[in-house]
Protein backbone atom coordinates (compact mmCIF):
# COMPACT_ATOMS: atom_id res chain seq x y z
CA UNK A 1 34.65 0.92 59.40
CA UNK A 2 32.39 -1.69 57.82
CA UNK A 3 33.88 -5.05 56.92
CA UNK A 4 33.37 -6.50 53.46
CA UNK A 5 32.73 -10.19 52.86
CA UNK A 6 34.33 -10.04 49.44
CA UNK A 7 34.98 -8.01 46.36
CA UNK A 8 37.34 -7.01 43.63
CA UNK A 9 39.65 -4.08 43.21
CA UNK A 10 42.10 -2.85 40.65
CA UNK A 11 45.42 -2.92 42.35
CA UNK A 12 48.12 -0.36 41.97
CA UNK A 13 51.08 -0.92 39.68
CA UNK A 14 53.47 -3.37 41.35
CA UNK A 15 56.75 -1.80 42.42
CA UNK A 16 58.47 -5.14 41.76
CA UNK A 17 57.51 -6.00 38.18
CA UNK A 18 55.51 -2.90 37.18
CA UNK A 19 52.33 -4.87 36.35
CA UNK A 20 48.78 -3.94 37.29
CA UNK A 21 46.73 -6.70 38.79
CA UNK A 22 43.08 -7.21 39.58
CA UNK A 23 42.71 -8.47 43.10
CA UNK A 24 39.75 -10.51 44.27
CA UNK A 25 39.13 -11.22 47.90
CA UNK A 26 36.66 -13.06 50.08
CA UNK A 27 36.25 -13.62 53.79
CA UNK A 28 36.07 -17.19 54.95
CA UNK A 29 32.77 -17.86 56.66
CA UNK A 30 32.98 -17.67 60.40
CA UNK A 31 36.69 -16.85 60.31
CA UNK A 32 38.57 -13.59 60.56
CA UNK A 33 40.60 -14.67 57.50
CA UNK A 34 40.45 -13.29 53.95
CA UNK A 35 41.59 -15.13 50.88
CA UNK A 36 43.01 -12.99 48.11
CA UNK A 37 44.00 -13.77 44.59
CA UNK A 38 45.61 -11.40 42.09
CA UNK A 39 45.48 -11.79 38.30
CA UNK A 40 47.65 -9.84 35.93
CA UNK A 41 45.30 -7.58 33.95
CA UNK A 42 47.26 -8.32 30.76
CA UNK A 43 46.34 -11.99 31.16
CA UNK A 44 42.68 -11.05 31.48
CA UNK A 45 42.82 -8.86 28.38
CA UNK A 46 44.89 -11.40 26.45
CA UNK A 47 42.07 -13.92 26.87
CA UNK A 48 39.43 -11.26 26.32
CA UNK A 49 40.81 -9.62 23.14
CA UNK A 50 40.13 -12.51 20.70
CA UNK A 51 36.50 -12.60 21.79
CA UNK A 52 36.13 -8.83 21.54
CA UNK A 53 37.95 -8.85 18.20
CA UNK A 54 35.60 -11.56 16.86
CA UNK A 55 32.55 -9.58 17.99
CA UNK A 56 34.11 -6.45 16.52
CA UNK A 57 34.59 -8.16 13.16
CA UNK A 58 31.00 -9.46 13.26
CA UNK A 59 29.72 -5.99 14.17
CA UNK A 60 31.77 -4.45 11.35
CA UNK A 61 30.43 -7.02 8.86
CA UNK A 62 26.87 -6.39 10.05
CA UNK A 63 27.42 -2.65 9.70
CA UNK A 64 28.78 -3.10 6.16
CA UNK A 65 25.84 -5.34 5.26
CA UNK A 66 23.37 -2.78 6.62
CA UNK A 67 25.18 0.02 4.83
CA UNK A 68 25.11 -1.85 1.50
CA UNK A 69 21.47 -2.81 2.00
CA UNK A 70 20.45 0.75 2.83
CA UNK A 71 22.48 2.04 -0.12
CA UNK A 72 20.69 -0.43 -2.39
CA UNK A 73 17.31 0.58 -0.99
CA UNK A 74 18.08 4.27 -1.44
CA UNK A 75 19.29 3.70 -5.01
CA UNK A 76 16.20 1.68 -5.81
CA UNK A 77 13.88 4.30 -4.32
CA UNK A 78 15.69 7.00 -6.30
CA UNK A 79 15.34 4.86 -9.43
CA UNK A 80 11.66 4.34 -8.77
CA UNK A 81 11.18 8.06 -8.13
CA UNK A 82 12.95 8.87 -11.40
CA UNK A 83 10.87 6.28 -13.26
CA UNK A 84 7.69 7.72 -11.74
CA UNK A 85 8.77 11.22 -12.75
CA UNK A 86 9.46 10.01 -16.30
CA UNK A 87 6.09 8.24 -16.38
CA UNK A 88 4.36 11.41 -15.18
CA UNK A 89 6.17 13.44 -17.83
CA UNK A 90 5.21 10.90 -20.49
CA UNK A 91 1.60 10.93 -19.30
CA UNK A 92 1.53 14.74 -19.41
CA UNK A 93 3.06 14.68 -22.88
CA UNK A 94 0.52 12.07 -23.98
CA UNK A 95 -2.38 14.15 -22.59
CA UNK A 96 -1.05 17.22 -24.41
CA UNK A 97 -0.67 15.23 -27.63
CA UNK A 98 -4.18 13.82 -27.27
CA UNK A 99 -5.54 17.30 -26.65
CA UNK A 100 -3.80 18.58 -29.82
CA UNK A 101 -5.11 15.59 -31.80
CA UNK A 102 -8.62 16.06 -30.41
CA UNK A 103 -8.53 19.78 -31.25
CA UNK A 104 -7.35 19.08 -34.80
CA UNK A 105 -9.91 16.30 -35.19
CA UNK A 106 -12.76 18.41 -33.89
CA UNK A 107 -11.83 21.57 -35.83
CA UNK A 108 -10.77 20.06 -39.17
CA UNK A 109 -12.65 21.36 -42.26
CA UNK A 110 -13.04 17.75 -43.43
CA UNK A 111 -15.92 15.64 -42.11
CA UNK A 112 -14.34 12.81 -40.07
CA UNK A 113 -15.65 9.91 -38.06
CA UNK A 114 -14.23 6.99 -36.09
CA UNK A 115 -15.83 3.52 -35.99
CA UNK A 116 -15.50 0.47 -33.78
CA UNK A 117 -14.99 -3.03 -35.21
CA UNK A 118 -18.76 -3.52 -35.55
CA UNK A 119 -19.14 -0.37 -37.68
CA UNK A 120 -20.69 1.77 -34.92
CA UNK A 121 -19.73 5.43 -34.69
CA UNK A 122 -17.41 6.22 -31.78
CA UNK A 123 -16.84 9.92 -32.49
CA UNK A 124 -17.34 12.48 -35.24
CA UNK A 125 -15.84 15.87 -36.08
CA UNK A 126 -17.73 19.15 -35.78
CA UNK A 127 -17.64 19.48 -39.59
CA UNK A 128 -19.30 16.06 -39.98
CA UNK A 129 -22.13 17.19 -37.70
CA UNK A 130 -22.50 20.52 -39.53
CA UNK A 131 -22.68 18.90 -43.00
CA UNK A 132 -25.15 16.19 -42.00
CA UNK A 133 -27.17 18.33 -39.59
CA UNK A 134 -27.07 16.08 -36.54
CA UNK A 135 -26.22 16.60 -32.88
CA UNK A 136 -23.38 14.52 -31.48
CA UNK A 137 -25.69 12.57 -29.15
CA UNK A 138 -27.85 11.50 -32.11
CA UNK A 139 -25.02 9.73 -33.95
CA UNK A 140 -22.66 8.21 -31.36
CA UNK A 141 -23.27 4.45 -31.11
CA UNK A 142 -25.27 4.18 -34.33
CA UNK A 143 -24.18 2.18 -37.36
CA UNK A 144 -22.35 4.15 -40.04
CA UNK A 145 -24.63 2.56 -42.64
CA UNK A 146 -27.49 4.68 -41.20
CA UNK A 147 -25.73 7.74 -42.68
CA UNK A 148 -24.49 6.31 -45.99
CA UNK A 149 -26.07 6.37 -49.43
CA UNK A 150 -27.70 3.17 -50.63
CA UNK A 151 -24.80 1.88 -52.75
CA UNK A 152 -22.12 2.68 -50.16
CA UNK A 153 -24.24 1.18 -47.41
CA UNK A 154 -24.78 -2.04 -49.42
CA UNK A 155 -21.05 -2.36 -50.19
CA UNK A 156 -20.23 -1.78 -46.57
CA UNK A 157 -22.68 -4.48 -45.47
CA UNK A 158 -21.79 -6.94 -48.27
CA UNK A 159 -18.03 -6.63 -48.01
CA UNK A 160 -18.09 -6.42 -44.24
CA UNK A 161 -16.45 -3.71 -42.18
CA UNK A 162 -13.42 -5.80 -41.09
CA UNK A 163 -12.65 -6.80 -44.73
CA UNK A 164 -12.60 -3.13 -45.78
CA UNK A 165 -9.73 -2.57 -43.36
CA UNK A 166 -7.49 -5.09 -45.17
């Protein structure tokens, strides 16, 4: 059988006091003598439990912090997803509304036009083009005064386009 220079074993339950001990042993160098020392396992755990309990509390707090953080992140991402969905719905509704407006504007029996602040034509209705006999490309960007009668054109120029809006 091979001899050991040292080690540790978990001893059996003592028949005297019923305690389990951890036994450490070591051979003295150059001697056929072993030194042994036994420690009651309860003493080891008694010293060890506060440390483990402290680490356990820290681990539990870290777990709670991570759980709350992940919950917050998930809630925020759900909120952002809902906001994005609402924005997409609003954008779709706006596009539909603009399409209805554009259709009404283009198909109205009244001649209609839209001007920028400088009095240039931005858009005109189909009826406007039919009555005046122009193609859309011929009128967009031109001054409205190019298509007005003399008196209306003079009033428009004299009063100024921005003042007419007041």
